[in-house]
């Protein structure tokens, strides 16, 4: 923690020194082309493309972090297998077969004891 505070104090001191530097006044656009290479690089304004790329990357990273903390991912496992009953298997079938002649009730209809539901 002390190292972080020391680095922060150093950064603040350098920021104060840099902010106290007098402005160079700026050189008109076409005059920059005729300066020596070192002065041309020093006095030319930085390209805004670099900052745009940096902000885009930071925005994408922040969006990914927000999505990872707020989003939910379903965990699904797929495998092959066979269902084997643990006990004896039984065949379910009616005693007598028949054909349904009429259905006297509808889905969801209330019925009373003794009402005819279907006719075979």
PDB file of N, CA and C in Angstrom:
ATOM      1  N   UNK A   1       0.824  -1.187   0.000  1.00  0.00           N
ATOM      2  CA  UNK A   1       0.000   0.000   0.000  1.00  0.00           C
ATOM      3  C   UNK A   1       0.870   1.253   0.000  1.00  0.00           C
ATOM      4  N   UNK A   2       2.002   1.184   0.737  1.00  0.00           N
ATOM      5  CA  UNK A   2       2.893   2.336   0.799  1.00  0.00           C
ATOM      6  C   UNK A   2       3.497   2.624  -0.569  1.00  0.00           C
ATOM      7  N   UNK A   3       3.781   1.565  -1.319  1.00  0.00           N
ATOM      8  CA  UNK A   3       4.348   1.761  -2.656  1.00  0.00           C
ATOM      9  C   UNK A   3       3.352   2.481  -3.561  1.00  0.00           C
ATOM     10  N   UNK A   4       2.074   2.136  -3.447  1.00  0.00           N
ATOM     11  CA  UNK A   4       1.047   2.802  -4.257  1.00  0.00           C
ATOM     12  C   UNK A   4       0.948   4.286  -3.902  1.00  0.00           C
ATOM     13  N   UNK A   5       0.984   4.584  -2.611  1.00  0.00           N
ATOM     14  CA  UNK A   5       0.910   5.983  -2.188  1.00  0.00           C
ATOM     15  C   UNK A   5       2.136   6.759  -2.651  1.00  0.00           C
ATOM     16  N   UNK A   6       3.306   6.112  -2.601  1.00  0.00           N
ATOM     17  CA  UNK A   6       4.529   6.765  -3.056  1.00  0.00           C
ATOM     18  C   UNK A   6       4.458   7.041  -4.557  1.00  0.00           C
ATOM     19  N   UNK A   7       3.961   6.068  -5.323  1.00  0.00           N
ATOM     20  CA  UNK A   7       3.821   6.270  -6.769  1.00  0.00           C
ATOM     21  C   UNK A   7       2.803   7.360  -7.076  1.00  0.00           C
ATOM     22  N   UNK A   8       1.711   7.388  -6.334  1.00  0.00           N
ATOM     23  CA  UNK A   8       0.696   8.420  -6.536  1.00  0.00           C
ATOM     24  C   UNK A   8       1.260   9.806  -6.226  1.00  0.00           C
ATOM     25  N   UNK A   9       2.041   9.919  -5.155  1.00  0.00           N
ATOM     26  CA  UNK A   9       2.652  11.206  -4.810  1.00  0.00           C
ATOM     27  C   UNK A   9       3.633  11.639  -5.898  1.00  0.00           C
ATOM     28  N   UNK A  10       4.402  10.713  -6.433  1.00  0.00           N
ATOM     29  CA  UNK A  10       5.330  11.035  -7.525  1.00  0.00           C
ATOM     30  C   UNK A  10       4.595  11.485  -8.769  1.00  0.00           C
ATOM     31  N   UNK A  11       3.503  10.825  -9.073  1.00  0.00           N
ATOM     32  CA  UNK A  11       2.717  11.201 -10.255  1.00  0.00           C
ATOM     33  C   UNK A  11       2.141  12.601 -10.087  1.00  0.00           C
ATOM     34  N   UNK A  12       1.633  12.900  -8.888  1.00  0.00           N
ATOM     35  CA  UNK A  12       1.081  14.235  -8.632  1.00  0.00           C
ATOM     36  C   UNK A  12       2.155  15.314  -8.760  1.00  0.00           C
ATOM     37  N   UNK A  13       3.353  15.033  -8.249  1.00  0.00           N
ATOM     38  CA  UNK A  13       4.441  16.013  -8.346  1.00  0.00           C
ATOM     39  C   UNK A  13       4.804  16.266  -9.808  1.00  0.00           C
ATOM     40  N   UNK A  14       4.888  15.222 -10.602  1.00  0.00           N
ATOM     41  CA  UNK A  14       5.211  15.387 -12.024  1.00  0.00           C
ATOM     42  C   UNK A  14       4.091  16.126 -12.747  1.00  0.00           C
ATOM     43  N   UNK A  15       2.857  15.886 -12.364  1.00  0.00           N
ATOM     44  CA  UNK A  15       1.723  16.582 -12.992  1.00  0.00           C
ATOM     45  C   UNK A  15       1.790  18.082 -12.700  1.00  0.00           C
ATOM     46  N   UNK A  16       2.136  18.432 -11.447  1.00  0.00           N
ATOM     47  CA  UNK A  16       2.267  19.846 -11.099  1.00  0.00           C
ATOM     48  C   UNK A  16       3.380  20.507 -11.908  1.00  0.00           C
ATOM     49  N   UNK A  17       4.517  19.827 -12.035  1.00  0.00           N
ATOM     50  CA  UNK A  17       5.640  20.380 -12.806  1.00  0.00           C
ATOM     51  C   UNK A  17       5.232  20.571 -14.255  1.00  0.00           C
ATOM     52  N   UNK A  18       4.558  19.592 -14.825  1.00  0.00           N
ATOM     53  CA  UNK A  18       4.156  19.674 -16.236  1.00  0.00           C
ATOM     54  C   UNK A  18       3.113  20.766 -16.448  1.00  0.00           C
ATOM     55  N   UNK A  19       2.198  20.915 -15.501  1.00  0.00           N
ATOM     56  CA  UNK A  19       1.158  21.932 -15.684  1.00  0.00           C
ATOM     57  C   UNK A  19       1.702  23.350 -15.526  1.00  0.00           C
ATOM     58  N   UNK A  20       2.827  23.518 -14.842  1.00  0.00           N
ATOM     59  CA  UNK A  20       3.434  24.844 -14.689  1.00  0.00           C
ATOM     60  C   UNK A  20       4.267  25.253 -15.898  1.00  0.00           C
ATOM     61  N   UNK A  21       4.553  24.315 -16.792  1.00  0.00           N
ATOM     62  CA  UNK A  21       5.356  24.632 -17.972  1.00  0.00           C
ATOM     63  C   UNK A  21       4.599  25.624 -18.843  1.00  0.00           C
ATOM     64  N   UNK A  22       5.305  26.620 -19.382  1.00  0.00           N
ATOM     65  CA  UNK A  22       4.627  27.577 -20.257  1.00  0.00           C
ATOM     66  C   UNK A  22       4.212  26.923 -21.567  1.00  0.00           C
ATOM     67  N   UNK A  23       3.134  27.400 -22.119  1.00  0.00           N
ATOM     68  CA  UNK A  23       2.641  26.882 -23.392  1.00  0.00           C
ATOM     69  C   UNK A  23       3.583  27.298 -24.509  1.00  0.00           C
ATOM     70  N   UNK A  24       3.811  26.434 -25.470  1.00  0.00           N
ATOM     71  CA  UNK A  24       4.713  26.736 -26.582  1.00  0.00           C
ATOM     72  C   UNK A  24       4.044  27.632 -27.614  1.00  0.00           C
ATOM     73  N   UNK A  25       2.783  27.850 -27.451  1.00  0.00           N
ATOM     74  CA  UNK A  25       2.103  28.769 -28.346  1.00  0.00           C
ATOM     75  C   UNK A  25       1.565  28.116 -29.594  1.00  0.00           C
ATOM     76  N   UNK A  26       2.065  27.016 -29.967  1.00  0.00           N
ATOM     77  CA  UNK A  26       1.578  26.326 -31.154  1.00  0.00           C
ATOM     78  C   UNK A  26       2.128  26.940 -32.429  1.00  0.00           C
ATOM     79  N   UNK A  27       2.422  26.108 -33.366  1.00  0.00           N
ATOM     80  CA  UNK A  27       2.963  26.535 -34.655  1.00  0.00           C
ATOM     81  C   UNK A  27       1.881  26.289 -35.688  1.00  0.00           C
ATOM     82  N   UNK A  28       1.667  27.214 -36.608  1.00  0.00           N
ATOM     83  CA  UNK A  28       0.649  27.008 -37.639  1.00  0.00           C
ATOM     84  C   UNK A  28       0.873  25.704 -38.395  1.00  0.00           C
ATOM     85  N   UNK A  29      -0.216  25.131 -38.924  1.00  0.00           N
ATOM     86  CA  UNK A  29      -0.188  23.813 -39.546  1.00  0.00           C
ATOM     87  C   UNK A  29       0.857  23.618 -40.626  1.00  0.00           C
ATOM     88  N   UNK A  30       0.993  24.535 -41.572  1.00  0.00           N
ATOM     89  CA  UNK A  30       1.941  24.341 -42.673  1.00  0.00           C
ATOM     90  C   UNK A  30       3.373  24.587 -42.231  1.00  0.00           C
ATOM     91  N   UNK A  31       3.579  25.399 -41.202  1.00  0.00           N
ATOM     92  CA  UNK A  31       4.936  25.680 -40.741  1.00  0.00           C
ATOM     93  C   UNK A  31       5.561  24.461 -40.085  1.00  0.00           C
ATOM     94  N   UNK A  32       4.747  23.565 -39.536  1.00  0.00           N
ATOM     95  CA  UNK A  32       5.273  22.362 -38.889  1.00  0.00           C
ATOM     96  C   UNK A  32       6.022  21.492 -39.892  1.00  0.00           C
ATOM     97  N   UNK A  33       5.591  21.472 -41.119  1.00  0.00           N
ATOM     98  CA  UNK A  33       6.213  20.618 -42.128  1.00  0.00           C
ATOM     99  C   UNK A  33       7.651  21.018 -42.415  1.00  0.00           C
ATOM    100  N   UNK A  34       8.027  22.269 -42.172  1.00  0.00           N
ATOM    101  CA  UNK A  34       9.367  22.738 -42.505  1.00  0.00           C
ATOM    102  C   UNK A  34      10.314  22.729 -41.311  1.00  0.00           C
ATOM    103  N   UNK A  35       9.869  22.262 -40.163  1.00  0.00           N
ATOM    104  CA  UNK A  35      10.726  22.170 -38.988  1.00  0.00           C
ATOM    105  C   UNK A  35      11.610  20.937 -39.084  1.00  0.00           C
ATOM    106  N   UNK A  36      12.722  20.908 -38.339  1.00  0.00           N
ATOM    107  CA  UNK A  36      13.502  19.671 -38.270  1.00  0.00           C
ATOM    108  C   UNK A  36      12.630  18.545 -37.699  1.00  0.00           C
ATOM    109  N   UNK A  37      13.009  17.313 -37.966  1.00  0.00           N
ATOM    110  CA  UNK A  37      12.179  16.150 -37.632  1.00  0.00           C
ATOM    111  C   UNK A  37      11.811  16.095 -36.148  1.00  0.00           C
ATOM    112  N   UNK A  38      12.778  16.346 -35.267  1.00  0.00           N
ATOM    113  CA  UNK A  38      12.512  16.248 -33.834  1.00  0.00           C
ATOM    114  C   UNK A  38      11.505  17.309 -33.403  1.00  0.00           C
ATOM    115  N   UNK A  39      11.682  18.541 -33.859  1.00  0.00           N
ATOM    116  CA  UNK A  39      10.757  19.607 -33.483  1.00  0.00           C
ATOM    117  C   UNK A  39       9.381  19.385 -34.099  1.00  0.00           C
ATOM    118  N   UNK A  40       9.364  18.823 -35.299  1.00  0.00           N
ATOM    119  CA  UNK A  40       8.075  18.536 -35.942  1.00  0.00           C
ATOM    120  C   UNK A  40       7.276  17.535 -35.112  1.00  0.00           C
ATOM    121  N   UNK A  41       7.953  16.508 -34.626  1.00  0.00           N
ATOM    122  CA  UNK A  41       7.279  15.485 -33.815  1.00  0.00           C
ATOM    123  C   UNK A  41       6.824  16.077 -32.481  1.00  0.00           C
ATOM    124  N   UNK A  42       7.682  16.914 -31.871  1.00  0.00           N
ATOM    125  CA  UNK A  42       7.345  17.485 -30.567  1.00  0.00           C
ATOM    126  C   UNK A  42       6.190  18.474 -30.649  1.00  0.00           C
ATOM    127  N   UNK A  43       6.150  19.275 -31.701  1.00  0.00           N
ATOM    128  CA  UNK A  43       5.154  20.334 -31.787  1.00  0.00           C
ATOM    129  C   UNK A  43       3.868  19.922 -32.486  1.00  0.00           C
ATOM    130  N   UNK A  44       3.871  18.803 -33.191  1.00  0.00           N
ATOM    131  CA  UNK A  44       2.657  18.363 -33.892  1.00  0.00           C
ATOM    132  C   UNK A  44       1.644  17.853 -32.865  1.00  0.00           C
ATOM    133  N   UNK A  45       0.386  18.185 -33.021  1.00  0.00           N
ATOM    134  CA  UNK A  45      -0.624  17.669 -32.081  1.00  0.00           C
ATOM    135  C   UNK A  45      -0.805  16.161 -32.276  1.00  0.00           C
ATOM    136  N   UNK A  46      -1.119  15.451 -31.202  1.00  0.00           N
ATOM    137  CA  UNK A  46      -1.309  13.999 -31.336  1.00  0.00           C
ATOM    138  C   UNK A  46      -2.555  13.681 -32.161  1.00  0.00           C
ATOM    139  N   UNK A  47      -2.498  12.539 -32.831  1.00  0.00           N
ATOM    140  CA  UNK A  47      -3.627  12.111 -33.653  1.00  0.00           C
ATOM    141  C   UNK A  47      -4.786  11.673 -32.754  1.00  0.00           C
ATOM    142  N   UNK A  48      -6.009  12.069 -33.069  1.00  0.00           N
ATOM    143  CA  UNK A  48      -7.155  11.657 -32.240  1.00  0.00           C
ATOM    144  C   UNK A  48      -7.533  10.190 -32.445  1.00  0.00           C
ATOM    145  N   UNK A  49      -6.992   9.554 -33.468  1.00  0.00           N
ATOM    146  CA  UNK A  49      -7.335   8.149 -33.729  1.00  0.00           C
ATOM    147  C   UNK A  49      -6.860   7.254 -32.589  1.00  0.00           C
ATOM    148  N   UNK A  50      -5.660   7.535 -32.069  1.00  0.00           N
ATOM    149  CA  UNK A  50      -5.134   6.726 -30.969  1.00  0.00           C
ATOM    150  C   UNK A  50      -6.023   6.772 -29.742  1.00  0.00           C
ATOM    151  N   UNK A  51      -6.478   7.962 -29.404  1.00  0.00           N
ATOM    152  CA  UNK A  51      -7.363   8.087 -28.238  1.00  0.00           C
ATOM    153  C   UNK A  51      -8.714   7.433 -28.498  1.00  0.00           C
ATOM    154  N   UNK A  52      -9.212   7.543 -29.719  1.00  0.00           N
ATOM    155  CA  UNK A  52     -10.493   6.903 -30.044  1.00  0.00           C
ATOM    156  C   UNK A  52     -10.381   5.390 -29.908  1.00  0.00           C
ATOM    157  N   UNK A  53      -9.272   4.827 -30.370  1.00  0.00           N
ATOM    158  CA  UNK A  53      -9.065   3.375 -30.242  1.00  0.00           C
ATOM    159  C   UNK A  53      -8.955   2.995 -28.770  1.00  0.00           C
ATOM    160  N   UNK A  54      -8.204   3.789 -28.002  1.00  0.00           N
ATOM    161  CA  UNK A  54      -8.052   3.511 -26.573  1.00  0.00           C
ATOM    162  C   UNK A  54      -9.404   3.539 -25.859  1.00  0.00           C
ATOM    163  N   UNK A  55     -10.224   4.560 -26.121  1.00  0.00           N
ATOM    164  CA  UNK A  55     -11.537   4.653 -25.483  1.00  0.00           C
ATOM    165  C   UNK A  55     -12.450   3.520 -25.931  1.00  0.00           C
ATOM    166  N   UNK A  56     -12.337   3.104 -27.188  1.00  0.00           N
ATOM    167  CA  UNK A  56     -13.160   1.983 -27.673  1.00  0.00           C
ATOM    168  C   UNK A  56     -12.793   0.696 -26.951  1.00  0.00           C
ATOM    169  N   UNK A  57     -11.503   0.459 -26.774  1.00  0.00           N
ATOM    170  CA  UNK A  57     -11.056  -0.749 -26.077  1.00  0.00           C
ATOM    171  C   UNK A  57     -11.505  -0.712 -24.616  1.00  0.00           C
ATOM    172  N   UNK A  58     -11.366   0.444 -23.970  1.00  0.00           N
ATOM    173  CA  UNK A  58     -11.787   0.549 -22.570  1.00  0.00           C
ATOM    174  C   UNK A  58     -13.294   0.367 -22.427  1.00  0.00           C
ATOM    175  N   UNK A  59     -14.069   0.909 -23.363  1.00  0.00           N
ATOM    176  CA  UNK A  59     -15.523   0.747 -23.325  1.00  0.00           C
ATOM    177  C   UNK A  59     -15.913  -0.718 -23.531  1.00  0.00           C
ATOM    178  N   UNK A  60     -15.243  -1.396 -24.464  1.00  0.00           N
ATOM    179  CA  UNK A  60     -15.532  -2.815 -24.697  1.00  0.00           C
ATOM    180  C   UNK A  60     -15.187  -3.640 -23.454  1.00  0.00           C
ATOM    181  N   UNK A  61     -14.060  -3.337 -22.824  1.00  0.00           N
ATOM    182  CA  UNK A  61     -13.659  -4.062 -21.621  1.00  0.00           C
ATOM    183  C   UNK A  61     -14.646  -3.817 -20.483  1.00  0.00           C
ATOM    184  N   UNK A  62     -15.063  -2.561 -20.295  1.00  0.00           N
ATOM    185  CA  UNK A  62     -16.029  -2.246 -19.236  1.00  0.00           C
ATOM    186  C   UNK A  62     -17.369  -2.924 -19.507  1.00  0.00           C
ATOM    187  N   UNK A  63     -17.789  -2.965 -20.774  1.00  0.00           N
ATOM    188  CA  UNK A  63     -19.046  -3.647 -21.122  1.00  0.00           C
ATOM    189  C   UNK A  63     -18.946  -5.137 -20.838  1.00  0.00           C
ATOM    190  N   UNK A  64     -17.811  -5.738 -21.179  1.00  0.00           N
ATOM    191  CA  UNK A  64     -17.626  -7.169 -20.919  1.00  0.00           C
ATOM    192  C   UNK A  64     -17.633  -7.459 -19.422  1.00  0.00           C
ATOM    193  N   UNK A  65     -17.012  -6.595 -18.634  1.00  0.00           N
ATOM    194  CA  UNK A  65     -16.999  -6.800 -17.185  1.00  0.00           C
ATOM    195  C   UNK A  65     -18.403  -6.648 -16.598  1.00  0.00           C
ATOM    196  N   UNK A  66     -19.160  -5.665 -17.077  1.00  0.00           N
ATOM    197  CA  UNK A  66     -20.535  -5.480 -16.591  1.00  0.00           C
ATOM    198  C   UNK A  66     -21.400  -6.670 -16.972  1.00  0.00           C
ATOM    199  N   UNK A  67     -21.262  -7.148 -18.197  1.00  0.00           N
ATOM    200  CA  UNK A  67     -22.052  -8.299 -18.640  1.00  0.00           C
ATOM    201  C   UNK A  67     -21.683  -9.543 -17.838  1.00  0.00           C
ATOM    202  N   UNK A  68     -20.378  -9.734 -17.565  1.00  0.00           N
ATOM    203  CA  UNK A  68     -19.970 -10.933 -16.833  1.00  0.00           C
ATOM    204  C   UNK A  68     -20.467 -10.919 -15.393  1.00  0.00           C
ATOM    205  N   UNK A  69     -20.645  -9.741 -14.814  1.00  0.00           N
ATOM    206  CA  UNK A  69     -21.127  -9.702 -13.436  1.00  0.00           C
ATOM    207  C   UNK A  69     -22.652  -9.722 -13.354  1.00  0.00           C
ATOM    208  N   UNK A  70     -23.340  -9.218 -14.367  1.00  0.00           N
ATOM    209  CA  UNK A  70     -24.800  -9.150 -14.322  1.00  0.00           C
ATOM    210  C   UNK A  70     -25.479 -10.275 -15.102  1.00  0.00           C
ATOM    211  N   UNK A  71     -24.836 -10.797 -16.118  1.00  0.00           N
ATOM    212  CA  UNK A  71     -25.445 -11.819 -16.967  1.00  0.00           C
ATOM    213  C   UNK A  71     -25.450 -13.189 -16.312  1.00  0.00           C
ATOM    214  N   UNK A  72     -26.281 -14.058 -16.836  1.00  0.00           N
ATOM    215  CA  UNK A  72     -26.352 -15.428 -16.341  1.00  0.00           C
ATOM    216  C   UNK A  72     -26.113 -16.378 -17.504  1.00  0.00           C
ATOM    217  N   UNK A  73     -25.370 -17.431 -17.229  1.00  0.00           N
ATOM    218  CA  UNK A  73     -25.066 -18.425 -18.244  1.00  0.00           C
ATOM    219  C   UNK A  73     -25.628 -19.758 -17.766  1.00  0.00           C
ATOM    220  N   UNK A  74     -26.415 -20.414 -18.607  1.00  0.00           N
ATOM    221  CA  UNK A  74     -26.945 -21.730 -18.266  1.00  0.00           C
ATOM    222  C   UNK A  74     -25.833 -22.765 -18.396  1.00  0.00           C
ATOM    223  N   UNK A  75     -25.755 -23.658 -17.418  1.00  0.00           N
ATOM    224  CA  UNK A  75     -24.770 -24.728 -17.458  1.00  0.00           C
ATOM    225  C   UNK A  75     -25.490 -25.981 -17.928  1.00  0.00           C
ATOM    226  N   UNK A  76     -25.066 -26.526 -19.051  1.00  0.00           N
ATOM    227  CA  UNK A  76     -25.726 -27.668 -19.660  1.00  0.00           C
ATOM    228  C   UNK A  76     -24.679 -28.741 -19.920  1.00  0.00           C
ATOM    229  N   UNK A  77     -25.003 -29.978 -19.571  1.00  0.00           N
ATOM    230  CA  UNK A  77     -24.123 -31.103 -19.854  1.00  0.00           C
ATOM    231  C   UNK A  77     -24.873 -32.084 -20.744  1.00  0.00           C
ATOM    232  N   UNK A  78     -24.248 -32.501 -21.818  1.00  0.00           N
ATOM    233  CA  UNK A  78     -24.859 -33.434 -22.761  1.00  0.00           C
ATOM    234  C   UNK A  78     -24.006 -34.694 -22.780  1.00  0.00           C
ATOM    235  N   UNK A  79     -24.658 -35.851 -22.649  1.00  0.00           N
ATOM    236  CA  UNK A  79     -23.915 -37.108 -22.696  1.00  0.00           C
ATOM    237  C   UNK A  79     -24.814 -38.210 -23.235  1.00  0.00           C
ATOM    238  N   UNK A  80     -24.198 -39.311 -23.578  1.00  0.00           N
ATOM    239  CA  UNK A  80     -24.943 -40.466 -24.065  1.00  0.00           C
ATOM    240  C   UNK A  80     -25.098 -41.456 -22.919  1.00  0.00           C
ATOM    241  N   UNK A  81     -26.207 -42.178 -22.916  1.00  0.00           N
ATOM    242  CA  UNK A  81     -26.424 -43.145 -21.858  1.00  0.00           C
ATOM    243  C   UNK A  81     -27.623 -44.020 -22.139  1.00  0.00           C
ATOM    244  N   UNK A  82     -27.915 -44.899 -21.205  1.00  0.00           N
ATOM    245  CA  UNK A  82     -29.013 -45.839 -21.338  1.00  0.00           C
ATOM    246  C   UNK A  82     -29.800 -45.823 -20.036  1.00  0.00           C
ATOM    247  N   UNK A  83     -31.124 -45.838 -20.116  1.00  0.00           N
ATOM    248  CA  UNK A  83     -31.969 -45.891 -18.925  1.00  0.00           C
ATOM    249  C   UNK A  83     -32.220 -47.351 -18.588  1.00  0.00           C
ATOM    250  N   UNK A  84     -31.824 -47.739 -17.386  1.00  0.00           N
ATOM    251  CA  UNK A  84     -32.001 -49.123 -16.934  1.00  0.00           C
ATOM    252  C   UNK A  84     -32.861 -49.079 -15.674  1.00  0.00           C
ATOM    253  N   UNK A  85     -34.004 -49.797 -15.657  1.00  0.00           N
ATOM    254  CA  UNK A  85     -34.857 -49.771 -14.460  1.00  0.00           C
ATOM    255  C   UNK A  85     -34.162 -50.456 -13.291  1.00  0.00           C
ATOM    256  N   UNK A  86     -34.399 -49.941 -12.079  1.00  0.00           N
ATOM    257  CA  UNK A  86     -33.761 -50.515 -10.901  1.00  0.00           C
ATOM    258  C   UNK A  86     -34.502 -51.752 -10.400  1.00  0.00           C
ATOM    259  N   UNK A  87     -35.780 -51.884 -10.736  1.00  0.00           N
ATOM    260  CA  UNK A  87     -36.560 -53.042 -10.297  1.00  0.00           C
ATOM    261  C   UNK A  87     -37.142 -53.760 -11.498  1.00  0.00           C
ATOM    262  N   UNK A  88     -38.181 -54.546 -11.233  1.00  0.00           N
ATOM    263  CA  UNK A  88     -38.841 -55.273 -12.317  1.00  0.00           C
ATOM    264  C   UNK A  88     -39.662 -54.310 -13.161  1.00  0.00           C
ATOM    265  N   UNK A  89     -39.675 -54.540 -14.447  1.00  0.00           N
ATOM    266  CA  UNK A  89     -40.505 -53.713 -15.324  1.00  0.00           C
ATOM    267  C   UNK A  89     -41.854 -54.401 -15.507  1.00  0.00           C
ATOM    268  N   UNK A  90     -42.909 -53.611 -15.577  1.00  0.00           N
ATOM    269  CA  UNK A  90     -44.255 -54.159 -15.710  1.00  0.00           C
ATOM    270  C   UNK A  90     -44.895 -53.590 -16.955  1.00  0.00           C
ATOM    271  N   UNK A  91     -45.675 -54.410 -17.627  1.00  0.00           N
ATOM    272  CA  UNK A  91     -46.414 -53.972 -18.794  1.00  0.00           C
ATOM    273  C   UNK A  91     -47.777 -53.486 -18.336  1.00  0.00           C
ATOM    274  N   UNK A  92     -48.161 -52.308 -18.768  1.00  0.00           N
ATOM    275  CA  UNK A  92     -49.460 -51.749 -18.400  1.00  0.00           C
ATOM    276  C   UNK A  92     -50.379 -51.878 -19.599  1.00  0.00           C
ATOM    277  N   UNK A  93     -51.503 -52.602 -19.415  1.00  0.00           N
ATOM    278  CA  UNK A  93     -52.480 -52.775 -20.491  1.00  0.00           C
ATOM    279  C   UNK A  93     -53.851 -53.031 -19.873  1.00  0.00           C
ATOM    280  N   UNK A  94     -54.907 -52.750 -20.608  1.00  0.00           N
ATOM    281  CA  UNK A  94     -56.259 -52.961 -20.066  1.00  0.00           C
ATOM    282  C   UNK A  94     -56.614 -54.451 -20.059  1.00  0.00           C
ATOM    283  N   UNK A  95     -57.597 -54.806 -19.215  1.00  0.00           N
ATOM    284  CA  UNK A  95     -58.067 -56.188 -19.195  1.00  0.00           C
ATOM    285  C   UNK A  95     -58.790 -56.522 -20.484  1.00  0.00           C
ATOM    286  N   UNK A  96     -59.590 -55.588 -20.944  1.00  0.00           N
ATOM    287  CA  UNK A  96     -60.338 -55.803 -22.184  1.00  0.00           C
ATOM    288  C   UNK A  96     -60.087 -54.620 -23.101  1.00  0.00           C
ATOM    289  N   UNK A  97     -59.977 -54.878 -24.373  1.00  0.00           N
ATOM    290  CA  UNK A  97     -59.801 -53.794 -25.333  1.00  0.00           C
ATOM    291  C   UNK A  97     -61.153 -53.322 -25.804  1.00  0.00           C
ATOM    292  N   UNK A  98     -61.228 -52.082 -26.202  1.00  0.00           N
ATOM    293  CA  UNK A  98     -62.493 -51.537 -26.673  1.00  0.00           C
ATOM    294  C   UNK A  98     -62.251 -50.271 -27.476  1.00  0.00           C
ATOM    295  N   UNK A  99     -63.320 -49.786 -28.101  1.00  0.00           N
ATOM    296  CA  UNK A  99     -63.271 -48.569 -28.898  1.00  0.00           C
ATOM    297  C   UNK A  99     -64.139 -47.540 -28.199  1.00  0.00           C
ATOM    298  N   UNK A 100     -63.646 -46.327 -28.077  1.00  0.00           N
ATOM    299  CA  UNK A 100     -64.410 -45.258 -27.438  1.00  0.00           C
ATOM    300  C   UNK A 100     -65.491 -44.807 -28.406  1.00  0.00           C
ATOM    301  N   UNK A 101     -66.754 -44.924 -27.969  1.00  0.00           N
ATOM    302  CA  UNK A 101     -67.888 -44.545 -28.820  1.00  0.00           C
ATOM    303  C   UNK A 101     -68.229 -43.072 -28.658  1.00  0.00           C
ATOM    304  N   UNK A 102     -68.139 -42.546 -27.421  1.00  0.00           N
ATOM    305  CA  UNK A 102     -68.495 -41.145 -27.201  1.00  0.00           C
ATOM    306  C   UNK A 102     -67.772 -40.628 -25.964  1.00  0.00           C
ATOM    307  N   UNK A 103     -67.413 -39.353 -26.011  1.00  0.00           N
ATOM    308  CA  UNK A 103     -66.811 -38.672 -24.862  1.00  0.00           C
ATOM    309  C   UNK A 103     -67.812 -37.611 -24.421  1.00  0.00           C
ATOM    310  N   UNK A 104     -68.264 -37.688 -23.169  1.00  0.00           N
ATOM    311  CA  UNK A 104     -69.326 -36.818 -22.676  1.00  0.00           C
ATOM    312  C   UNK A 104     -68.825 -35.600 -21.891  1.00  0.00           C
ATOM    313  N   UNK A 105     -67.519 -35.411 -21.747  1.00  0.00           N
ATOM    314  CA  UNK A 105     -66.982 -34.275 -20.978  1.00  0.00           C
ATOM    315  C   UNK A 105     -65.952 -33.519 -21.821  1.00  0.00           C
ATOM    316  N   UNK A 106     -65.703 -32.288 -21.427  1.00  0.00           N
ATOM    317  CA  UNK A 106     -64.691 -31.453 -22.084  1.00  0.00           C
ATOM    318  C   UNK A 106     -63.519 -31.246 -21.115  1.00  0.00           C
ATOM    319  N   UNK A 107     -62.390 -30.802 -21.626  1.00  0.00           N
ATOM    320  CA  UNK A 107     -61.241 -30.500 -20.767  1.00  0.00           C
ATOM    321  C   UNK A 107     -61.605 -29.386 -19.801  1.00  0.00           C
ATOM    322  N   UNK A 108     -61.302 -29.581 -18.517  1.00  0.00           N
ATOM    323  CA  UNK A 108     -61.543 -28.560 -17.515  1.00  0.00           C
ATOM    324  C   UNK A 108     -62.960 -28.528 -16.975  1.00  0.00           C
ATOM    325  N   UNK A 109     -63.855 -29.372 -17.485  1.00  0.00           N
ATOM    326  CA  UNK A 109     -65.255 -29.378 -17.048  1.00  0.00           C
ATOM    327  C   UNK A 109     -65.352 -30.034 -15.671  1.00  0.00           C
ATOM    328  N   UNK A 110     -66.186 -29.471 -14.786  1.00  0.00           N
ATOM    329  CA  UNK A 110     -66.414 -30.056 -13.464  1.00  0.00           C
ATOM    330  C   UNK A 110     -67.399 -31.210 -13.602  1.00  0.00           C
ATOM    331  N   UNK A 111     -67.104 -32.328 -12.938  1.00  0.00           N
ATOM    332  CA  UNK A 111     -67.982 -33.506 -12.990  1.00  0.00           C
ATOM    333  C   UNK A 111     -68.357 -33.909 -11.571  1.00  0.00           C
ATOM    334  N   UNK A 112     -69.467 -34.641 -11.467  1.00  0.00           N
ATOM    335  CA  UNK A 112     -69.939 -35.141 -10.178  1.00  0.00           C
ATOM    336  C   UNK A 112     -69.790 -36.652 -10.166  1.00  0.00           C
ATOM    337  N   UNK A 113     -69.798 -37.181  -8.977  1.00  0.00           N
ATOM    338  CA  UNK A 113     -69.685 -38.622  -8.835  1.00  0.00           C
ATOM    339  C   UNK A 113     -70.883 -39.290  -9.503  1.00  0.00           C
ATOM    340  N   UNK A 114     -70.604 -40.285 -10.320  1.00  0.00           N
ATOM    341  CA  UNK A 114     -71.661 -41.018 -11.000  1.00  0.00           C
ATOM    342  C   UNK A 114     -71.925 -40.531 -12.415  1.00  0.00           C
ATOM    343  N   UNK A 115     -71.370 -39.379 -12.827  1.00  0.00           N
ATOM    344  CA  UNK A 115     -71.566 -38.892 -14.203  1.00  0.00           C
ATOM    345  C   UNK A 115     -70.864 -39.823 -15.184  1.00  0.00           C
ATOM    346  N   UNK A 116     -71.470 -39.988 -16.340  1.00  0.00           N
ATOM    347  CA  UNK A 116     -70.869 -40.810 -17.397  1.00  0.00           C
ATOM    348  C   UNK A 116     -69.827 -39.948 -18.105  1.00  0.00           C
ATOM    349  N   UNK A 117     -68.603 -40.443 -18.155  1.00  0.00           N
ATOM    350  CA  UNK A 117     -67.527 -39.688 -18.797  1.00  0.00           C
ATOM    351  C   UNK A 117     -67.342 -40.124 -20.248  1.00  0.00           C
ATOM    352  N   UNK A 118     -67.211 -41.434 -20.458  1.00  0.00           N
ATOM    353  CA  UNK A 118     -67.049 -41.954 -21.825  1.00  0.00           C
ATOM    354  C   UNK A 118     -67.886 -43.210 -21.988  1.00  0.00           C
ATOM    355  N   UNK A 119     -68.183 -43.542 -23.237  1.00  0.00           N
ATOM    356  CA  UNK A 119     -68.871 -44.795 -23.551  1.00  0.00           C
ATOM    357  C   UNK A 119     -67.948 -45.623 -24.418  1.00  0.00           C
ATOM    358  N   UNK A 120     -67.835 -46.897 -24.038  1.00  0.00           N
ATOM    359  CA  UNK A 120     -67.012 -47.821 -24.828  1.00  0.00           C
ATOM    360  C   UNK A 120     -67.886 -48.629 -25.758  1.00  0.00           C
TER     361      UNK A 120
END
